[in-house]
Amino acid sequence: MTVPRVPPITFAHRGAMARERENTLPAFELALRLGASGLESDAWVTSDGVVVLDHDGVVGPRFGRRPIAQVPRAELPAHVPSLAELYAACGTDFELSLDVKDPAAFEPVVAAVRAGGEPGRTWLCHPSLPVVTRWRGLASDVRLVDSTRVSRLQDGVRGRARTLADRGIDAVNLHWLDWTPIYVRLFHEVGVHAFGWDAQSRSSIDRLLATGVDAVYGNHVDRLVAAVARLG
């Protein structure tokens, strides 16, 4: 049985992107100053092995876009931070959620987290359950998250909860509209955390938090923090 996180984690989606350029050090720093307890980004690995934070994983002009995996760190735009630079600027006293969209980047990301961060407070996410399951066999110290939608669960909510528990996956991340108190309870009963993403308006954040989820992702840090405060 998982005890709900109180207060729930407030993940600043790509930093305080409603006020600063997304996925930049100023956005991450501002998010923490505004009271976010977690940061969210996407992690990629450059051609020379540096873990960096960017949403799309491609850089360059419109007709000359290149995957970050094909670009050395020194040739990336100046606003793209490395994970090591995030730790240097912000420390490690926060939860960190990273979408690792390229499965090949998993091991370098874990190595960078171990070198400068807190593996036990790092949540690595992917939309493929087989991929996340394989990751569990590669690293036991980081947290793993199954990012999906209820409509994609061929095994149903109860079945997915049991599967994640059996495979040692720490959390499931669903769109805020998918969550109900019953669904949260089904995951908590087997020891899996419940995360909700894309909660942007005050009403959507309040509705999501009322289900008892353990974390909420949003672009508006001030709204997230205020909503958690309203929980008491």
C-alpha atoms as a PDB file:
ATOM      1  CA  MET A   1       0.000   0.000   0.000  1.00  0.00           C
ATOM      2  CA  THR A   2       1.387   3.389  -1.005  1.00  0.00           C
ATOM      3  CA  VAL A   3       0.852   6.244   1.413  1.00  0.00           C
ATOM      4  CA  PRO A   4      -0.185   9.333  -0.623  1.00  0.00           C
ATOM      5  CA  ARG A   5       2.466  12.022  -0.843  1.00  0.00           C
ATOM      6  CA  VAL A   6       1.455  14.955   1.329  1.00  0.00           C
ATOM      7  CA  PRO A   7       1.831  17.516  -0.004  1.00  0.00           C
ATOM      8  CA  PRO A   8       1.840  16.221  -3.583  1.00  0.00           C
ATOM      9  CA  ILE A   9       4.800  17.068  -5.790  1.00  0.00           C
ATOM     10  CA  THR A  10       4.344  20.177  -7.920  1.00  0.00           C
ATOM     11  CA  PHE A  11       6.316  19.557 -11.113  1.00  0.00           C
ATOM     12  CA  ALA A  12       7.075  22.729 -13.069  1.00  0.00           C
ATOM     13  CA  HIS A  13       6.644  21.597 -16.681  1.00  0.00           C
ATOM     14  CA  ARG A  14       9.805  22.654 -18.562  1.00  0.00           C
ATOM     15  CA  GLY A  15      10.461  25.020 -15.663  1.00  0.00           C
ATOM     16  CA  ALA A  16       8.388  28.156 -15.121  1.00  0.00           C
ATOM     17  CA  MET A  17       7.623  28.200 -18.838  1.00  0.00           C
ATOM     18  CA  ALA A  18       4.672  30.556 -18.433  1.00  0.00           C
ATOM     19  CA  ARG A  19       7.146  33.293 -17.431  1.00  0.00           C
ATOM     20  CA  GLU A  20      10.547  32.315 -18.843  1.00  0.00           C
ATOM     21  CA  ARG A  21      11.839  30.566 -21.956  1.00  0.00           C
ATOM     22  CA  GLU A  22      11.113  26.877 -21.440  1.00  0.00           C
ATOM     23  CA  ASN A  23      13.846  24.392 -20.549  1.00  0.00           C
ATOM     24  CA  THR A  24      16.379  27.074 -19.638  1.00  0.00           C
ATOM     25  CA  LEU A  25      18.233  27.629 -16.396  1.00  0.00           C
ATOM     26  CA  PRO A  26      16.295  30.857 -15.705  1.00  0.00           C
ATOM     27  CA  ALA A  27      13.023  28.951 -16.095  1.00  0.00           C
ATOM     28  CA  PHE A  28      14.139  26.198 -13.717  1.00  0.00           C
ATOM     29  CA  GLU A  29      15.528  28.643 -11.173  1.00  0.00           C
ATOM     30  CA  LEU A  30      12.361  30.740 -11.220  1.00  0.00           C
ATOM     31  CA  ALA A  31      10.184  27.663 -10.772  1.00  0.00           C
ATOM     32  CA  LEU A  32      11.979  26.780  -7.561  1.00  0.00           C
ATOM     33  CA  ARG A  33      11.830  30.360  -6.310  1.00  0.00           C
ATOM     34  CA  LEU A  34       8.066  30.341  -6.898  1.00  0.00           C
ATOM     35  CA  GLY A  35       7.767  27.268  -4.699  1.00  0.00           C
ATOM     36  CA  ALA A  36       7.701  24.302  -7.069  1.00  0.00           C
ATOM     37  CA  SER A  37       8.859  21.123  -5.349  1.00  0.00           C
ATOM     38  CA  GLY A  38       9.779  19.452  -8.623  1.00  0.00           C
ATOM     39  CA  LEU A  39      11.151  20.264 -12.077  1.00  0.00           C
ATOM     40  CA  GLU A  40      10.267  18.558 -15.365  1.00  0.00           C
ATOM     41  CA  SER A  41      12.121  18.367 -18.658  1.00  0.00           C
ATOM     42  CA  ASP A  42      13.175  16.043 -21.474  1.00  0.00           C
ATOM     43  CA  ALA A  43      16.658  14.556 -21.454  1.00  0.00           C
ATOM     44  CA  TRP A  44      18.785  13.882 -24.535  1.00  0.00           C
ATOM     45  CA  VAL A  45      22.411  12.911 -25.115  1.00  0.00           C
ATOM     46  CA  THR A  46      24.716  14.775 -27.489  1.00  0.00           C
ATOM     47  CA  SER A  47      27.037  13.076 -29.935  1.00  0.00           C
ATOM     48  CA  ASP A  48      29.876  13.482 -27.433  1.00  0.00           C
ATOM     49  CA  GLY A  49      27.923  11.986 -24.538  1.00  0.00           C
ATOM     50  CA  VAL A  50      26.620  15.030 -22.636  1.00  0.00           C
ATOM     51  CA  VAL A  51      23.100  14.844 -21.158  1.00  0.00           C
ATOM     52  CA  VAL A  52      21.164  18.015 -22.038  1.00  0.00           C
ATOM     53  CA  LEU A  53      17.619  19.278 -21.461  1.00  0.00           C
ATOM     54  CA  ASP A  54      15.419  20.173 -24.422  1.00  0.00           C
ATOM     55  CA  HIS A  55      11.856  19.407 -25.476  1.00  0.00           C
ATOM     56  CA  ASP A  56      12.027  18.335 -29.118  1.00  0.00           C
ATOM     57  CA  GLY A  57      15.530  16.886 -29.191  1.00  0.00           C
ATOM     58  CA  VAL A  58      16.318  18.672 -32.456  1.00  0.00           C
ATOM     59  CA  VAL A  59      18.178  21.935 -33.026  1.00  0.00           C
ATOM     60  CA  GLY A  60      19.082  24.240 -35.867  1.00  0.00           C
ATOM     61  CA  PRO A  61      17.276  26.411 -38.435  1.00  0.00           C
ATOM     62  CA  ARG A  62      13.932  25.363 -39.891  1.00  0.00           C
ATOM     63  CA  PHE A  63      15.346  23.597 -42.940  1.00  0.00           C
ATOM     64  CA  GLY A  64      18.504  22.391 -41.254  1.00  0.00           C
ATOM     65  CA  ARG A  65      17.222  20.715 -38.110  1.00  0.00           C
ATOM     66  CA  ARG A  66      19.435  17.999 -36.618  1.00  0.00           C
ATOM     67  CA  PRO A  67      18.808  15.540 -33.798  1.00  0.00           C
ATOM     68  CA  ILE A  68      20.724  16.416 -30.652  1.00  0.00           C
ATOM     69  CA  ALA A  69      22.207  12.917 -30.767  1.00  0.00           C
ATOM     70  CA  GLN A  70      24.119  14.003 -33.887  1.00  0.00           C
ATOM     71  CA  VAL A  71      25.389  17.306 -32.477  1.00  0.00           C
ATOM     72  CA  PRO A  72      28.328  17.831 -30.086  1.00  0.00           C
ATOM     73  CA  ARG A  73      27.655  19.795 -26.935  1.00  0.00           C
ATOM     74  CA  ALA A  74      29.722  22.774 -28.076  1.00  0.00           C
ATOM     75  CA  GLU A  75      27.504  23.285 -31.142  1.00  0.00           C
ATOM     76  CA  LEU A  76      24.179  23.432 -29.288  1.00  0.00           C
ATOM     77  CA  PRO A  77      22.411  26.782 -28.800  1.00  0.00           C
ATOM     78  CA  ALA A  78      23.568  28.568 -25.671  1.00  0.00           C
ATOM     79  CA  HIS A  79      20.155  28.384 -24.008  1.00  0.00           C
ATOM     80  CA  VAL A  80      20.149  24.554 -23.920  1.00  0.00           C
ATOM     81  CA  PRO A  81      21.472  23.489 -20.490  1.00  0.00           C
ATOM     82  CA  SER A  82      23.170  20.265 -19.559  1.00  0.00           C
ATOM     83  CA  LEU A  83      21.880  18.219 -16.657  1.00  0.00           C
ATOM     84  CA  ALA A  84      25.125  18.942 -14.812  1.00  0.00           C
ATOM     85  CA  GLU A  85      24.514  22.674 -15.270  1.00  0.00           C
ATOM     86  CA  LEU A  86      21.012  22.286 -13.854  1.00  0.00           C
ATOM     87  CA  TYR A  87      22.451  20.706 -10.712  1.00  0.00           C
ATOM     88  CA  ALA A  88      25.124  23.409 -10.472  1.00  0.00           C
ATOM     89  CA  ALA A  89      22.538  26.184 -10.745  1.00  0.00           C
ATOM     90  CA  CYS A  90      19.669  24.698  -8.729  1.00  0.00           C
ATOM     91  CA  GLY A  91      21.184  22.103  -6.416  1.00  0.00           C
ATOM     92  CA  THR A  92      19.418  18.816  -5.810  1.00  0.00           C
ATOM     93  CA  ASP A  93      16.798  19.600  -3.170  1.00  0.00           C
ATOM     94  CA  PHE A  94      13.840  18.928  -5.453  1.00  0.00           C
ATOM     95  CA  GLU A  95      12.146  16.093  -7.330  1.00  0.00           C
ATOM     96  CA  LEU A  96      13.213  15.817 -10.963  1.00  0.00           C
ATOM     97  CA  SER A  97      11.051  14.286 -13.681  1.00  0.00           C
ATOM     98  CA  LEU A  98      12.769  13.570 -16.996  1.00  0.00           C
ATOM     99  CA  ASP A  99      11.151  12.241 -20.144  1.00  0.00           C
ATOM    100  CA  VAL A 100      13.764  10.021 -21.775  1.00  0.00           C
ATOM    101  CA  LYS A 101      12.199   9.730 -25.216  1.00  0.00           C
ATOM    102  CA  ASP A 102      15.240   8.050 -26.769  1.00  0.00           C
ATOM    103  CA  PRO A 103      15.643   4.700 -24.956  1.00  0.00           C
ATOM    104  CA  ALA A 104      19.330   4.658 -25.910  1.00  0.00           C
ATOM    105  CA  ALA A 105      19.829   7.714 -23.696  1.00  0.00           C
ATOM    106  CA  PHE A 106      18.704   5.937 -20.528  1.00  0.00           C
ATOM    107  CA  GLU A 107      22.073   4.704 -19.277  1.00  0.00           C
ATOM    108  CA  PRO A 108      23.934   8.007 -19.898  1.00  0.00           C
ATOM    109  CA  VAL A 109      21.093   9.849 -18.140  1.00  0.00           C
ATOM    110  CA  VAL A 110      21.302   7.520 -15.140  1.00  0.00           C
ATOM    111  CA  ALA A 111      25.076   7.974 -15.014  1.00  0.00           C
ATOM    112  CA  ALA A 112      24.664  11.775 -15.022  1.00  0.00           C
ATOM    113  CA  VAL A 113      22.037  11.578 -12.283  1.00  0.00           C
ATOM    114  CA  ARG A 114      24.290   9.398 -10.144  1.00  0.00           C
ATOM    115  CA  ALA A 115      27.226  11.750 -10.702  1.00  0.00           C
ATOM    116  CA  GLY A 116      25.496  14.966  -9.700  1.00  0.00           C
ATOM    117  CA  GLY A 117      21.939  14.402  -8.553  1.00  0.00           C
ATOM    118  CA  GLU A 118      19.689  12.326  -6.310  1.00  0.00           C
ATOM    119  CA  PRO A 119      18.624   9.049  -7.985  1.00  0.00           C
ATOM    120  CA  GLY A 120      15.921   8.431  -5.382  1.00  0.00           C
ATOM    121  CA  ARG A 121      14.311  11.767  -6.253  1.00  0.00           C
ATOM    122  CA  THR A 122      14.637  11.341 -10.017  1.00  0.00           C
ATOM    123  CA  TRP A 123      11.649  10.064 -12.008  1.00  0.00           C
ATOM    124  CA  LEU A 124      12.471   8.792 -15.510  1.00  0.00           C
ATOM    125  CA  CYS A 125       9.452   8.549 -17.796  1.00  0.00           C
ATOM    126  CA  HIS A 126       8.597   6.782 -21.050  1.00  0.00           C
ATOM    127  CA  PRO A 127       5.311   5.921 -22.833  1.00  0.00           C
ATOM    128  CA  SER A 128       6.285   2.312 -23.585  1.00  0.00           C
ATOM    129  CA  LEU A 129       5.789  -0.181 -20.770  1.00  0.00           C
ATOM    130  CA  PRO A 130       8.223  -2.726 -22.318  1.00  0.00           C
ATOM    131  CA  VAL A 131      10.890  -0.005 -22.432  1.00  0.00           C
ATOM    132  CA  VAL A 132      10.326   1.010 -18.808  1.00  0.00           C
ATOM    133  CA  THR A 133      10.316  -2.646 -17.770  1.00  0.00           C
ATOM    134  CA  ARG A 134      13.695  -3.184 -19.440  1.00  0.00           C
ATOM    135  CA  TRP A 135      15.035  -0.091 -17.690  1.00  0.00           C
ATOM    136  CA  ARG A 136      14.143  -1.570 -14.313  1.00  0.00           C
ATOM    137  CA  GLY A 137      16.620  -4.339 -14.990  1.00  0.00           C
ATOM    138  CA  LEU A 138      19.335  -1.789 -15.779  1.00  0.00           C
ATOM    139  CA  ALA A 139      18.957   0.492 -12.741  1.00  0.00           C
ATOM    140  CA  SER A 140      17.377  -0.087  -9.353  1.00  0.00           C
ATOM    141  CA  ASP A 141      18.144   3.278  -7.737  1.00  0.00           C
ATOM    142  CA  VAL A 142      16.198   5.697  -9.961  1.00  0.00           C
ATOM    143  CA  ARG A 143      12.402   6.006 -10.038  1.00  0.00           C
ATOM    144  CA  LEU A 144      10.595   4.825 -13.166  1.00  0.00           C
ATOM    145  CA  VAL A 145       7.305   6.141 -14.537  1.00  0.00           C
ATOM    146  CA  ASP A 146       4.861   4.608 -17.012  1.00  0.00           C
ATOM    147  CA  SER A 147       3.467   7.574 -18.995  1.00  0.00           C
ATOM    148  CA  THR A 148       0.224   6.613 -20.721  1.00  0.00           C
ATOM    149  CA  ARG A 149      -3.523   7.213 -21.036  1.00  0.00           C
ATOM    150  CA  VAL A 150      -6.414   5.159 -19.726  1.00  0.00           C
ATOM    151  CA  SER A 151      -7.619   4.675 -23.316  1.00  0.00           C
ATOM    152  CA  ARG A 152      -4.357   2.858 -24.111  1.00  0.00           C
ATOM    153  CA  LEU A 153      -4.577   0.374 -21.228  1.00  0.00           C
ATOM    154  CA  GLN A 154      -5.494  -2.914 -22.862  1.00  0.00           C
ATOM    155  CA  ASP A 155      -5.179  -4.562 -19.452  1.00  0.00           C
ATOM    156  CA  GLY A 156      -7.472  -2.025 -17.780  1.00  0.00           C
ATOM    157  CA  VAL A 157      -6.658   0.202 -14.835  1.00  0.00           C
ATOM    158  CA  ARG A 158      -6.639  -2.564 -12.225  1.00  0.00           C
ATOM    159  CA  GLY A 159      -4.585  -4.804 -14.483  1.00  0.00           C
ATOM    160  CA  ARG A 160      -2.053  -2.072 -15.219  1.00  0.00           C
ATOM    161  CA  ALA A 161      -1.704  -1.319 -11.521  1.00  0.00           C
ATOM    162  CA  ARG A 162      -0.846  -4.943 -10.804  1.00  0.00           C
ATOM    163  CA  THR A 163       1.533  -5.131 -13.750  1.00  0.00           C
ATOM    164  CA  LEU A 164       3.452  -2.046 -12.636  1.00  0.00           C
ATOM    165  CA  ALA A 165       3.691  -3.354  -9.095  1.00  0.00           C
ATOM    166  CA  ASP A 166       4.931  -6.749 -10.297  1.00  0.00           C
ATOM    167  CA  ARG A 167       7.583  -5.125 -12.492  1.00  0.00           C
ATOM    168  CA  GLY A 168       8.821  -2.669  -9.880  1.00  0.00           C
ATOM    169  CA  ILE A 169       7.668   0.470 -11.713  1.00  0.00           C
ATOM    170  CA  ASP A 170       7.281   3.322  -9.239  1.00  0.00           C
ATOM    171  CA  ALA A 171       4.555   5.487 -10.756  1.00  0.00           C
ATOM    172  CA  VAL A 172       2.001   5.899 -13.514  1.00  0.00           C
ATOM    173  CA  ASN A 173       1.494   9.291 -15.169  1.00  0.00           C
ATOM    174  CA  LEU A 174      -1.932   9.934 -16.718  1.00  0.00           C
ATOM    175  CA  HIS A 175      -3.574  13.024 -18.176  1.00  0.00           C
ATOM    176  CA  TRP A 176      -5.492  14.926 -15.505  1.00  0.00           C
ATOM    177  CA  LEU A 177      -8.807  14.119 -17.194  1.00  0.00           C
ATOM    178  CA  ASP A 178      -8.161  10.387 -16.777  1.00  0.00           C
ATOM    179  CA  TRP A 179      -7.897  10.409 -12.999  1.00  0.00           C
ATOM    180  CA  THR A 180     -10.656   9.525 -10.548  1.00  0.00           C
ATOM    181  CA  PRO A 181     -10.363   8.805  -6.814  1.00  0.00           C
ATOM    182  CA  ILE A 182     -11.073   5.124  -7.535  1.00  0.00           C
ATOM    183  CA  TYR A 183      -8.221   4.904 -10.061  1.00  0.00           C
ATOM    184  CA  VAL A 184      -5.827   6.562  -7.622  1.00  0.00           C
ATOM    185  CA  ARG A 185      -6.839   4.076  -4.931  1.00  0.00           C
ATOM    186  CA  LEU A 186      -6.272   1.091  -7.256  1.00  0.00           C
ATOM    187  CA  PHE A 187      -2.681   2.169  -7.876  1.00  0.00           C
ATOM    188  CA  HIS A 188      -2.039   3.074  -4.249  1.00  0.00           C
ATOM    189  CA  GLU A 189      -3.322  -0.322  -3.095  1.00  0.00           C
ATOM    190  CA  VAL A 190      -0.480  -2.054  -4.952  1.00  0.00           C
ATOM    191  CA  GLY A 191       2.204   0.487  -4.036  1.00  0.00           C
ATOM    192  CA  VAL A 192       2.331   2.564  -7.236  1.00  0.00           C
ATOM    193  CA  HIS A 193       2.330   6.376  -7.181  1.00  0.00           C
ATOM    194  CA  ALA A 194      -0.267   8.310  -9.195  1.00  0.00           C
ATOM    195  CA  PHE A 195       0.912  11.338 -11.208  1.00  0.00           C
ATOM    196  CA  GLY A 196      -1.233  13.686 -13.316  1.00  0.00           C
ATOM    197  CA  TRP A 197      -0.073  15.911 -16.168  1.00  0.00           C
ATOM    198  CA  ASP A 198      -1.310  18.918 -18.153  1.00  0.00           C
ATOM    199  CA  ALA A 199      -3.273  20.539 -15.330  1.00  0.00           C
ATOM    200  CA  GLN A 200      -3.187  24.221 -16.296  1.00  0.00           C
ATOM    201  CA  SER A 201      -6.264  26.084 -15.056  1.00  0.00           C
ATOM    202  CA  ARG A 202      -7.132  26.551 -11.400  1.00  0.00           C
ATOM    203  CA  SER A 203     -10.203  24.341 -11.796  1.00  0.00           C
ATOM    204  CA  SER A 204      -8.305  21.495 -13.491  1.00  0.00           C
ATOM    205  CA  ILE A 205      -5.563  21.576 -10.864  1.00  0.00           C
ATOM    206  CA  ASP A 206      -8.088  21.525  -8.028  1.00  0.00           C
ATOM    207  CA  ARG A 207     -10.033  18.694  -9.638  1.00  0.00           C
ATOM    208  CA  LEU A 208      -6.875  16.642 -10.120  1.00  0.00           C
ATOM    209  CA  LEU A 209      -5.605  17.184  -6.576  1.00  0.00           C
ATOM    210  CA  ALA A 210      -9.023  16.212  -5.194  1.00  0.00           C
ATOM    211  CA  THR A 211      -8.519  12.689  -6.551  1.00  0.00           C
ATOM    212  CA  GLY A 212      -5.555  12.175  -4.217  1.00  0.00           C
ATOM    213  CA  VAL A 213      -2.740  12.039  -6.766  1.00  0.00           C
ATOM    214  CA  ASP A 214       0.873  12.187  -5.631  1.00  0.00           C
ATOM    215  CA  ALA A 215       2.102  14.720  -8.188  1.00  0.00           C
ATOM    216  CA  VAL A 216       0.775  17.278 -10.618  1.00  0.00           C
ATOM    217  CA  TYR A 217       2.502  18.708 -13.704  1.00  0.00           C
ATOM    218  CA  GLY A 218       1.694  22.155 -15.057  1.00  0.00           C
ATOM    219  CA  ASN A 219       3.039  25.251 -16.778  1.00  0.00           C
ATOM    220  CA  HIS A 220       1.818  27.737 -14.157  1.00  0.00           C
ATOM    221  CA  VAL A 221       3.864  27.252 -11.015  1.00  0.00           C
ATOM    222  CA  ASP A 222       1.988  29.890  -9.033  1.00  0.00           C
ATOM    223  CA  ARG A 223      -1.305  28.082  -9.665  1.00  0.00           C
ATOM    224  CA  LEU A 224       0.159  24.722  -8.662  1.00  0.00           C
ATOM    225  CA  VAL A 225       1.601  26.079  -5.441  1.00  0.00           C
ATOM    226  CA  ALA A 226      -1.603  27.933  -4.554  1.00  0.00           C
ATOM    227  CA  ALA A 227      -3.731  24.853  -5.198  1.00  0.00           C
ATOM    228  CA  VAL A 228      -1.592  22.699  -2.912  1.00  0.00           C
ATOM    229  CA  ALA A 229      -1.829  25.399  -0.237  1.00  0.00           C
ATOM    230  CA  ARG A 230      -5.632  25.250  -0.520  1.00  0.00           C
ATOM    231  CA  LEU A 231      -5.465  21.570   0.417  1.00  0.00           C
ATOM    232  CA  GLY A 232      -4.354  22.685   3.869  1.00  0.00           C
END
